Amino acid sequence: MSSFASFAGFDWAKEKHDVTIVAPDGRILEQFQFEDTAEGWGRFQKQITPHLPMAVAIETSCGAAVDRLLQLGVAIYPIQPMAAKRYRERKAPTGVKDNALDAWSLADALRLDGHTWRSLQPEDPLTQELRILSRDEVALIEQRTALINQLQQAIYEYYPAARQAFKDWTSPASWQFIIQFSTPEMLIRAGKRKWERFLKSNGLHKAETNAERLEIFANAKQFHGTPPVTAAKSVLAVATAKQLLTLEEQLTTYRRRIRDLFAQHPDHEIYDSLPGLGEKLAPRLLSRCAGDRFGSTQEMQCVAGTAPVSQESGKSRVVKFRYACDKLLRATVHHWANLSREKCAWAEAYYQRKRDYNMSHAAALRCLGHRWLKILYKMLATRTLYDEALHLRNQVAHGSWVITLMPNSVPAKPS
């Protein structure tokens, strides 16, 4: 940290930002606020110029403020919000809080403890775009889930036949059905020929389900909502179904762009070689783990939320679930670990042993994901693809207990 002429605390917000700049000896050199506009950022650049080179502490590792700071060429040191709170409490034990105090506590914390922090490295444009697209894709999926729940609630109130006929409401065919036959009366008036035509055009004309569906359609008016409820809720159902179709179209566009970017990334073969990832999870995992983001296996596992939080005091030791982590990365690793069980015998054996220890499904997958992240970090460090045979040989060489649980296992060396 001796290479920096000053240290700044950046308390960011949507409209305005508070900045405090301190000297290496702790003196406050500048303390000001500026608006999040072109003029405001121009003023910020002028005020920091005399104090360069500068290190900046900020409570986030992404976003517009971070991007603009990177463009100005300052070194950025992200800090967790909980850690920032503890530094502020050290400055103001009485609980006083304001933006200027937050900025000063961040600047002084960086000055004193910055040698133990990890600076934020700029992402290459390809990885950055892939990360943003993957994050926004998940946000769109969450919106789709909310709309599906809204649609199901609407048809629950007036259209039981539709609820019985379609089990998978994530399928566009079920949304098309609501648009084409929005009420039980419209369904009955359409008749059997139109029902069959709809099922065929949407790939639902199957011998094992056809007869049951047609019977449900024929009896649609036997049990349904009252006329006022039907008239009102059918409007909501059709509007929601049309929103879902539009959203699904946009998700298709997103996924096409994500696939193109993933194929261009130099690390894509490493992630493609991992069992269970597939075309959706692989880009998400790459966007969160690409490059030199993590300095160690343990850091990767902590950020992914697979590493527990242990607390020791005297003779007591408590292990807790890690809440502070990258939520998208944790969800990705969770799904990856679950899907890997179908591809890898050792992964399934490892999972089942954890379940035998009375672990929940989620806890067992977290342990399996913890192991997969260790493998991934080694692959990224050595620039090698996943090799199932090599991994099994390494397990035998190290006397792993997982080998003894697998069918046709080779006896492990005693530890």
Protein backbone atom coordinates (compact mmCIF):
# COMPACT_ATOMS: atom_id res chain seq x y z
CA MET A 1 0.00 0.00 0.00
CA SER A 2 3.03 2.30 0.23
CA SER A 3 2.75 3.01 -3.50
CA PHE A 4 -0.46 5.02 -3.02
CA ALA A 5 -0.39 8.75 -2.33
CA SER A 6 -3.85 8.71 -0.76
CA PHE A 7 -6.77 6.49 0.26
CA ALA A 8 -10.43 7.23 -0.42
CA GLY A 9 -13.69 5.97 0.99
CA PHE A 10 -16.51 5.99 -1.58
CA ASP A 11 -20.03 5.82 -0.10
CA TRP A 12 -22.11 5.32 -3.23
CA ALA A 13 -25.82 5.86 -3.85
CA LYS A 14 -28.11 6.25 -6.86
CA GLU A 15 -28.33 10.04 -6.82
CA LYS A 16 -25.24 11.24 -4.91
CA HIS A 17 -21.89 9.88 -3.72
CA ASP A 18 -19.91 10.86 -0.62
CA VAL A 19 -16.11 10.76 -0.78
CA THR A 20 -13.44 11.16 1.88
CA ILE A 21 -9.75 11.20 0.94
CA VAL A 22 -7.10 10.64 3.61
CA ALA A 23 -3.32 10.85 3.53
CA PRO A 24 -1.08 7.92 4.47
CA ASP A 25 -0.70 9.47 7.95
CA GLY A 26 -4.48 9.61 8.44
CA ARG A 27 -5.11 13.31 7.79
CA ILE A 28 -8.33 14.12 5.93
CA LEU A 29 -7.33 15.77 2.66
CA GLU A 30 -10.73 16.10 0.99
CA GLN A 31 -14.32 15.48 2.04
CA PHE A 32 -17.07 16.21 -0.46
CA GLN A 33 -20.26 15.03 -2.13
CA PHE A 34 -21.08 14.97 -5.82
CA GLU A 35 -24.09 14.06 -7.94
CA ASP A 36 -24.20 11.01 -10.16
CA THR A 37 -24.14 13.02 -13.39
CA ALA A 38 -21.58 13.74 -16.09
CA GLU A 39 -20.81 17.08 -14.40
CA GLY A 40 -20.52 15.44 -11.00
CA TRP A 41 -18.08 12.79 -12.20
CA GLY A 42 -16.08 15.47 -13.99
CA ARG A 43 -15.79 17.36 -10.71
CA PHE A 44 -14.78 14.16 -8.91
CA GLN A 45 -12.00 13.53 -11.44
CA LYS A 46 -10.62 17.06 -10.97
CA GLN A 47 -10.62 16.79 -7.16
CA ILE A 48 -8.80 13.46 -7.03
CA THR A 49 -6.16 14.35 -9.62
CA PRO A 50 -3.77 16.01 -7.08
CA HIS A 51 -3.99 12.89 -4.87
CA LEU A 52 -3.14 10.20 -7.41
CA PRO A 53 -2.15 7.38 -7.33
CA MET A 54 -5.15 6.51 -5.17
CA ALA A 55 -6.77 3.43 -3.65
CA VAL A 56 -10.55 3.49 -3.19
CA ALA A 57 -12.66 1.42 -0.78
CA ILE A 58 -16.27 0.82 -1.77
CA GLU A 59 -19.09 -1.48 -0.56
CA THR A 60 -19.67 -3.21 -3.90
CA SER A 61 -17.72 -5.00 -6.59
CA CYS A 62 -19.96 -4.21 -9.56
CA GLY A 63 -22.25 -1.55 -10.94
CA ALA A 64 -22.01 1.79 -12.69
CA ALA A 65 -19.97 3.48 -9.93
CA VAL A 66 -17.34 0.73 -10.00
CA ASP A 67 -17.13 0.85 -13.81
CA ARG A 68 -16.56 4.62 -13.76
CA LEU A 69 -13.92 4.35 -11.05
CA LEU A 70 -12.08 1.74 -13.10
CA GLN A 71 -12.15 4.08 -16.10
CA LEU A 72 -10.47 6.75 -13.98
CA GLY A 73 -7.57 4.39 -13.27
CA VAL A 74 -7.82 4.20 -9.47
CA ALA A 75 -7.23 0.96 -7.56
CA ILE A 76 -10.52 -0.41 -6.19
CA TYR A 77 -10.79 -2.46 -3.01
CA PRO A 78 -14.32 -3.85 -2.47
CA ILE A 79 -15.43 -4.48 1.10
CA GLN A 80 -18.32 -6.55 2.44
CA PRO A 81 -21.18 -4.44 3.91
CA MET A 82 -20.90 -6.25 7.26
CA ALA A 83 -17.17 -5.53 7.47
CA ALA A 84 -17.86 -1.88 6.55
CA LYS A 85 -20.39 -1.71 9.38
CA ARG A 86 -17.81 -2.99 11.88
CA TYR A 87 -15.27 -0.39 10.75
CA ARG A 88 -17.89 2.34 11.14
CA GLU A 89 -18.74 1.13 14.66
CA ARG A 90 -15.05 1.36 15.51
CA LYS A 91 -15.10 5.03 14.51
CA ALA A 92 -18.46 5.78 16.16
CA PRO A 93 -19.20 3.37 19.05
CA THR A 94 -22.29 5.42 19.98
CA GLY A 95 -24.06 4.31 16.80
CA VAL A 96 -23.93 7.67 15.00
CA LYS A 97 -24.27 7.19 11.25
CA ASP A 98 -24.12 9.47 8.23
CA ASN A 99 -22.69 9.28 4.72
CA ALA A 100 -19.59 11.32 5.49
CA LEU A 101 -18.76 9.08 8.45
CA ASP A 102 -19.21 5.99 6.27
CA ALA A 103 -16.82 7.36 3.65
CA TRP A 104 -14.22 8.32 6.27
CA SER A 105 -14.37 4.92 8.02
CA LEU A 106 -13.88 3.17 4.66
CA ALA A 107 -10.91 5.36 3.74
CA ASP A 108 -9.20 4.89 7.09
CA ALA A 109 -9.88 1.15 7.10
CA LEU A 110 -8.21 0.86 3.70
CA ARG A 111 -5.27 2.92 4.91
CA LEU A 112 -4.72 0.73 7.98
CA ASP A 113 -5.76 -2.75 6.81
CA GLY A 114 -5.64 -2.51 3.03
CA HIS A 115 -2.55 -4.72 2.83
CA THR A 116 -4.80 -7.68 3.67
CA TRP A 117 -7.49 -6.79 1.11
CA ARG A 118 -7.70 -7.98 -2.49
CA SER A 119 -7.97 -5.35 -5.21
CA LEU A 120 -10.63 -5.59 -7.89
CA GLN A 121 -9.17 -6.56 -11.25
CA PRO A 122 -10.86 -5.20 -14.40
CA GLU A 123 -12.74 -7.85 -16.35
CA ASP A 124 -12.22 -8.36 -20.03
CA PRO A 125 -15.22 -7.09 -22.07
CA LEU A 126 -16.29 -10.61 -23.09
CA THR A 127 -16.48 -11.89 -19.50
CA GLN A 128 -18.16 -8.71 -18.29
CA GLU A 129 -20.91 -8.91 -20.89
CA LEU A 130 -21.40 -12.61 -20.20
CA ARG A 131 -21.63 -11.97 -16.44
CA ILE A 132 -24.24 -9.22 -16.87
CA LEU A 133 -26.29 -11.23 -19.37
CA SER A 134 -26.24 -14.32 -17.14
CA ARG A 135 -27.33 -12.28 -14.12
CA ASP A 136 -30.13 -10.60 -16.07
CA GLU A 137 -31.25 -13.93 -17.52
CA VAL A 138 -31.80 -15.24 -13.99
CA ALA A 139 -33.74 -12.06 -13.14
CA LEU A 140 -35.99 -12.66 -16.16
CA ILE A 141 -36.52 -16.27 -15.07
CA GLU A 142 -37.58 -15.02 -11.64
CA GLN A 143 -40.06 -12.67 -13.32
CA ARG A 144 -41.38 -15.59 -15.37
CA THR A 145 -41.86 -17.64 -12.20
CA ALA A 146 -43.82 -14.79 -10.59
CA LEU A 147 -46.05 -14.50 -13.66
CA ILE A 148 -46.63 -18.26 -13.74
CA ASN A 149 -47.70 -18.18 -10.09
CA GLN A 150 -50.05 -15.29 -10.89
CA LEU A 151 -51.52 -17.20 -13.84
CA GLN A 152 -52.05 -20.36 -11.79
CA GLN A 153 -53.78 -18.38 -9.06
CA ALA A 154 -56.10 -16.79 -11.62
CA ILE A 155 -57.17 -20.07 -13.21
CA TYR A 156 -57.55 -21.65 -9.76
CA GLU A 157 -60.36 -19.19 -9.10
CA TYR A 158 -62.36 -19.76 -12.28
CA TYR A 159 -60.94 -22.52 -14.55
CA PRO A 160 -60.29 -25.86 -12.75
CA ALA A 161 -60.36 -27.78 -16.04
CA ALA A 162 -57.28 -25.96 -17.33
CA ARG A 163 -55.47 -26.64 -14.08
CA GLN A 164 -56.23 -30.37 -14.38
CA ALA A 165 -55.37 -30.65 -18.07
CA PHE A 166 -51.89 -29.10 -17.82
CA LYS A 167 -49.36 -30.04 -15.17
CA ASP A 168 -46.38 -28.10 -16.53
CA TRP A 169 -47.20 -24.39 -16.51
CA THR A 170 -43.67 -23.44 -17.55
CA SER A 171 -44.56 -24.74 -21.03
CA PRO A 172 -45.68 -22.14 -23.63
CA ALA A 173 -48.36 -24.62 -24.76
CA SER A 174 -50.30 -24.09 -21.53
CA TRP A 175 -50.14 -20.31 -21.99
CA GLN A 176 -51.36 -20.65 -25.59
CA PHE A 177 -54.28 -22.72 -24.32
CA ILE A 178 -55.42 -19.91 -21.99
CA ILE A 179 -55.19 -17.37 -24.82
CA GLN A 180 -57.12 -19.54 -27.28
CA PHE A 181 -59.69 -20.96 -24.82
CA SER A 182 -59.80 -18.31 -22.09
CA THR A 183 -63.01 -19.55 -20.40
CA PRO A 184 -64.79 -22.91 -19.96
CA GLU A 185 -67.60 -21.64 -22.20
CA MET A 186 -65.19 -20.88 -25.04
CA LEU A 187 -63.59 -24.30 -24.61
CA ILE A 188 -66.94 -26.10 -24.89
CA ARG A 189 -68.01 -24.04 -27.91
CA ALA A 190 -64.76 -24.82 -29.73
CA GLY A 191 -65.53 -28.53 -29.87
CA LYS A 192 -63.46 -31.69 -30.07
CA ARG A 193 -61.97 -31.02 -33.51
CA LYS A 194 -60.38 -27.74 -32.41
CA TRP A 195 -59.16 -29.35 -29.18
CA GLU A 196 -57.34 -32.05 -31.14
CA ARG A 197 -55.96 -29.50 -33.59
CA PHE A 198 -54.59 -27.44 -30.69
CA LEU A 199 -52.96 -30.48 -29.07
CA LYS A 200 -51.34 -31.55 -32.35
CA SER A 201 -50.02 -28.09 -33.22
CA ASN A 202 -48.42 -27.76 -29.77
CA GLY A 203 -46.88 -31.24 -29.66
CA LEU A 204 -49.28 -32.51 -26.98
CA HIS A 205 -51.16 -35.14 -29.01
CA LYS A 206 -49.93 -38.22 -27.17
CA ALA A 207 -51.77 -41.49 -26.77
CA GLU A 208 -51.11 -41.79 -23.04
CA THR A 209 -52.56 -38.36 -22.16
CA ASN A 210 -54.91 -37.54 -25.05
CA ALA A 211 -58.02 -39.33 -23.83
CA GLU A 212 -57.73 -37.89 -20.33
CA ARG A 213 -57.29 -34.33 -21.59
CA LEU A 214 -60.23 -34.57 -23.99
CA GLU A 215 -62.45 -35.86 -21.18
CA ILE A 216 -61.41 -32.94 -18.96
CA PHE A 217 -62.19 -30.49 -21.77
CA ALA A 218 -65.62 -32.06 -22.33
CA ASN A 219 -66.53 -31.66 -18.63
CA ALA A 220 -65.11 -28.16 -18.25
CA LYS A 221 -68.50 -26.55 -17.45
CA GLN A 222 -69.38 -28.99 -14.67
CA PHE A 223 -67.18 -27.17 -12.15
CA HIS A 224 -65.95 -23.61 -12.67
CA GLY A 225 -66.14 -20.10 -11.28
CA THR A 226 -69.23 -17.87 -11.19
CA PRO A 227 -69.87 -15.68 -14.27
CA PRO A 228 -68.55 -12.44 -12.67
CA VAL A 229 -65.37 -14.18 -11.43
CA THR A 230 -64.88 -15.89 -14.79
CA ALA A 231 -65.33 -12.65 -16.71
CA ALA A 232 -62.84 -10.76 -14.55
CA LYS A 233 -60.19 -13.43 -14.00
CA SER A 234 -60.14 -14.56 -17.62
CA VAL A 235 -58.97 -11.08 -18.62
CA LEU A 236 -56.12 -11.29 -16.11
CA ALA A 237 -55.24 -14.84 -17.21
CA VAL A 238 -55.03 -13.89 -20.90
CA ALA A 239 -52.97 -10.77 -20.13
CA THR A 240 -50.56 -12.81 -18.00
CA ALA A 241 -50.25 -15.57 -20.62
CA LYS A 242 -49.39 -13.00 -23.30
CA GLN A 243 -46.74 -11.48 -21.02
CA LEU A 244 -45.27 -14.94 -20.49
CA LEU A 245 -45.02 -15.57 -24.24
CA THR A 246 -43.25 -12.24 -24.76
CA LEU A 247 -40.91 -12.91 -21.85
CA GLU A 248 -40.10 -16.39 -23.17
CA GLU A 249 -39.22 -14.89 -26.54
CA GLN A 250 -36.81 -12.46 -24.87
CA LEU A 251 -35.29 -15.28 -22.81
CA THR A 252 -34.60 -17.16 -26.05
CA THR A 253 -32.79 -14.09 -27.39
CA TYR A 254 -30.77 -13.82 -24.18
CA ARG A 255 -29.76 -17.47 -24.27
CA ARG A 256 -28.71 -17.25 -27.90
CA ARG A 257 -26.41 -14.32 -27.10
CA ILE A 258 -25.06 -16.08 -24.00
CA ARG A 259 -24.26 -19.21 -26.03
CA ASP A 260 -22.43 -17.12 -28.64
CA LEU A 261 -20.32 -15.31 -26.02
CA PHE A 262 -19.60 -18.53 -24.14
CA ALA A 263 -18.35 -20.20 -27.32
CA GLN A 264 -15.97 -17.27 -27.88
CA HIS A 265 -14.49 -17.38 -24.38
CA PRO A 266 -11.04 -19.00 -24.15
CA ASP A 267 -12.07 -20.98 -21.05
CA HIS A 268 -15.27 -22.46 -22.44
CA GLU A 269 -13.77 -25.91 -23.06
CA ILE A 270 -12.80 -26.23 -19.39
CA TYR A 271 -16.39 -25.62 -18.27
CA ASP A 272 -17.83 -27.75 -21.08
CA SER A 273 -15.79 -30.70 -19.82
CA LEU A 274 -17.39 -30.62 -16.35
CA PRO A 275 -20.20 -33.19 -15.95
CA GLY A 276 -23.65 -31.82 -15.19
CA LEU A 277 -23.18 -28.19 -16.20
CA GLY A 278 -24.83 -28.10 -19.60
CA GLU A 279 -25.47 -25.12 -21.86
CA LYS A 280 -27.33 -23.05 -19.23
CA LEU A 281 -25.21 -23.53 -16.11
CA ALA A 282 -21.78 -23.51 -17.78
CA PRO A 283 -21.95 -19.84 -18.89
CA ARG A 284 -23.24 -18.78 -15.48
CA LEU A 285 -20.42 -20.55 -13.68
CA LEU A 286 -17.81 -19.18 -16.08
CA SER A 287 -19.12 -15.62 -15.68
CA ARG A 288 -18.72 -15.83 -11.89
CA CYS A 289 -15.36 -17.66 -11.80
CA ALA A 290 -13.47 -16.59 -14.93
CA GLY A 291 -9.97 -15.19 -14.84
CA ASP A 292 -8.06 -14.63 -11.60
CA ARG A 293 -11.05 -13.59 -9.53
CA PHE A 294 -10.16 -15.97 -6.69
CA GLY A 295 -6.77 -16.20 -5.04
CA SER A 296 -7.32 -19.64 -3.54
CA THR A 297 -9.67 -22.62 -3.47
CA GLN A 298 -10.92 -21.52 -0.06
CA GLU A 299 -11.81 -18.06 -1.34
CA MET A 300 -13.80 -19.55 -4.22
CA GLN A 301 -15.65 -21.88 -1.85
CA CYS A 302 -16.43 -19.04 0.58
CA VAL A 303 -17.76 -16.75 -2.13
CA ALA A 304 -19.86 -19.62 -3.49
CA GLY A 305 -21.32 -20.25 -0.03
CA THR A 306 -20.30 -23.92 0.18
CA ALA A 307 -17.78 -23.31 2.99
CA PRO A 308 -19.45 -23.12 6.43
CA VAL A 309 -18.74 -20.44 9.03
CA SER A 310 -17.06 -21.87 12.14
CA GLN A 311 -17.01 -20.10 15.50
CA GLU A 312 -14.75 -21.30 18.31
CA SER A 313 -14.50 -20.03 21.86
CA GLY A 314 -12.89 -22.01 24.63
CA LYS A 315 -14.25 -25.54 24.45
CA SER A 316 -17.21 -24.70 22.25
CA ARG A 317 -17.20 -24.90 18.48
CA VAL A 318 -20.19 -24.01 16.31
CA VAL A 319 -20.47 -24.46 12.54
CA LYS A 320 -23.06 -22.30 10.78
CA PHE A 321 -24.48 -21.85 7.32
CA ARG A 322 -22.72 -19.13 5.29
CA TYR A 323 -25.24 -16.45 4.35
CA ALA A 324 -22.77 -13.82 3.06
CA CYS A 325 -21.85 -15.05 -0.42
CA ASP A 326 -22.51 -14.65 -4.13
CA LYS A 327 -26.14 -15.84 -4.27
CA LEU A 328 -26.13 -16.50 -8.02
CA LEU A 329 -22.91 -18.51 -7.79
CA ARG A 330 -24.30 -20.51 -4.86
CA ALA A 331 -27.47 -21.36 -6.78
CA THR A 332 -25.43 -22.35 -9.84
CA VAL A 333 -23.17 -24.65 -7.82
CA HIS A 334 -26.22 -26.18 -6.11
CA HIS A 335 -27.84 -27.10 -9.44
CA TRP A 336 -24.51 -28.26 -10.88
CA ALA A 337 -23.86 -30.58 -7.93
CA ASN A 338 -27.33 -32.09 -8.25
CA LEU A 339 -27.04 -32.71 -12.00
CA SER A 340 -23.51 -34.13 -11.66
CA ARG A 341 -24.91 -37.06 -9.69
CA GLU A 342 -26.41 -38.46 -12.91
CA LYS A 343 -23.08 -38.20 -14.74
CA CYS A 344 -20.52 -39.26 -12.13
CA ALA A 345 -20.69 -42.41 -10.03
CA TRP A 346 -18.35 -40.92 -7.42
CA ALA A 347 -20.54 -37.80 -7.09
CA GLU A 348 -23.64 -39.93 -6.45
CA ALA A 349 -21.73 -42.09 -3.94
CA TYR A 350 -20.45 -38.99 -2.15
CA TYR A 351 -23.95 -37.50 -1.99
CA GLN A 352 -25.52 -40.71 -0.69
CA ARG A 353 -22.93 -41.04 2.08
CA LYS A 354 -23.72 -37.50 3.24
CA ARG A 355 -27.42 -38.37 3.22
CA ASP A 356 -26.65 -41.46 5.29
CA TYR A 357 -25.20 -39.06 7.90
CA ASN A 358 -28.71 -37.53 8.17
CA MET A 359 -27.80 -34.46 6.13
CA SER A 360 -30.60 -32.74 4.24
CA HIS A 361 -30.68 -32.80 0.46
CA ALA A 362 -29.44 -29.19 0.28
CA ALA A 363 -26.63 -29.77 2.80
CA ALA A 364 -25.42 -32.89 0.95
CA LEU A 365 -25.39 -30.97 -2.34
CA ARG A 366 -23.50 -28.14 -0.65
CA CYS A 367 -20.79 -30.61 0.43
CA LEU A 368 -20.64 -32.10 -3.06
CA GLY A 369 -20.46 -28.61 -4.59
CA HIS A 370 -17.62 -27.80 -2.18
CA ARG A 371 -15.69 -30.74 -3.61
CA TRP A 372 -16.48 -29.80 -7.22
CA LEU A 373 -15.19 -26.25 -6.66
CA LYS A 374 -11.87 -27.64 -5.46
CA ILE A 375 -11.62 -29.59 -8.72
CA LEU A 376 -12.62 -26.54 -10.77
CA TYR A 377 -10.02 -24.30 -9.14
CA LYS A 378 -7.28 -26.83 -9.91
CA MET A 379 -8.46 -27.11 -13.52
CA LEU A 380 -8.37 -23.33 -13.96
CA ALA A 381 -4.93 -23.09 -12.36
CA THR A 382 -3.45 -25.82 -14.59
CA ARG A 383 -5.54 -25.02 -17.70
CA THR A 384 -6.64 -28.66 -18.04
CA LEU A 385 -9.98 -30.28 -18.89
CA TYR A 386 -11.86 -32.57 -16.53
CA ASP A 387 -10.73 -36.18 -16.84
CA GLU A 388 -12.92 -38.68 -14.98
CA ALA A 389 -10.34 -41.49 -15.18
CA LEU A 390 -7.57 -39.21 -13.85
CA HIS A 391 -9.78 -38.05 -11.00
CA LEU A 392 -10.57 -41.62 -9.98
CA ARG A 393 -6.88 -42.54 -10.09
CA ASN A 394 -6.10 -39.57 -7.84
CA GLN A 395 -8.81 -40.67 -5.42
CA VAL A 396 -7.29 -44.14 -5.25
CA ALA A 397 -3.79 -42.71 -4.78
CA HIS A 398 -4.93 -40.48 -1.92
CA GLY A 399 -6.99 -43.19 -0.25
CA SER A 400 -10.32 -41.45 -0.69
CA TRP A 401 -13.23 -43.11 1.13
CA VAL A 402 -15.49 -42.26 -1.82
CA ILE A 403 -13.84 -44.97 -3.93
CA THR A 404 -14.87 -47.69 -1.47
CA LEU A 405 -18.55 -46.76 -1.96
CA MET A 406 -18.57 -47.05 -5.73
CA PRO A 407 -19.57 -50.18 -7.67
CA ASN A 408 -16.54 -52.24 -8.76
CA SER A 409 -14.40 -50.05 -6.53
CA VAL A 410 -10.67 -50.40 -6.14
CA PRO A 411 -9.66 -50.75 -2.48
CA ALA A 412 -8.29 -47.44 -1.23
CA LYS A 413 -4.98 -47.19 0.53
CA PRO A 414 -5.27 -47.01 4.33
CA SER A 415 -4.93 -43.44 5.61
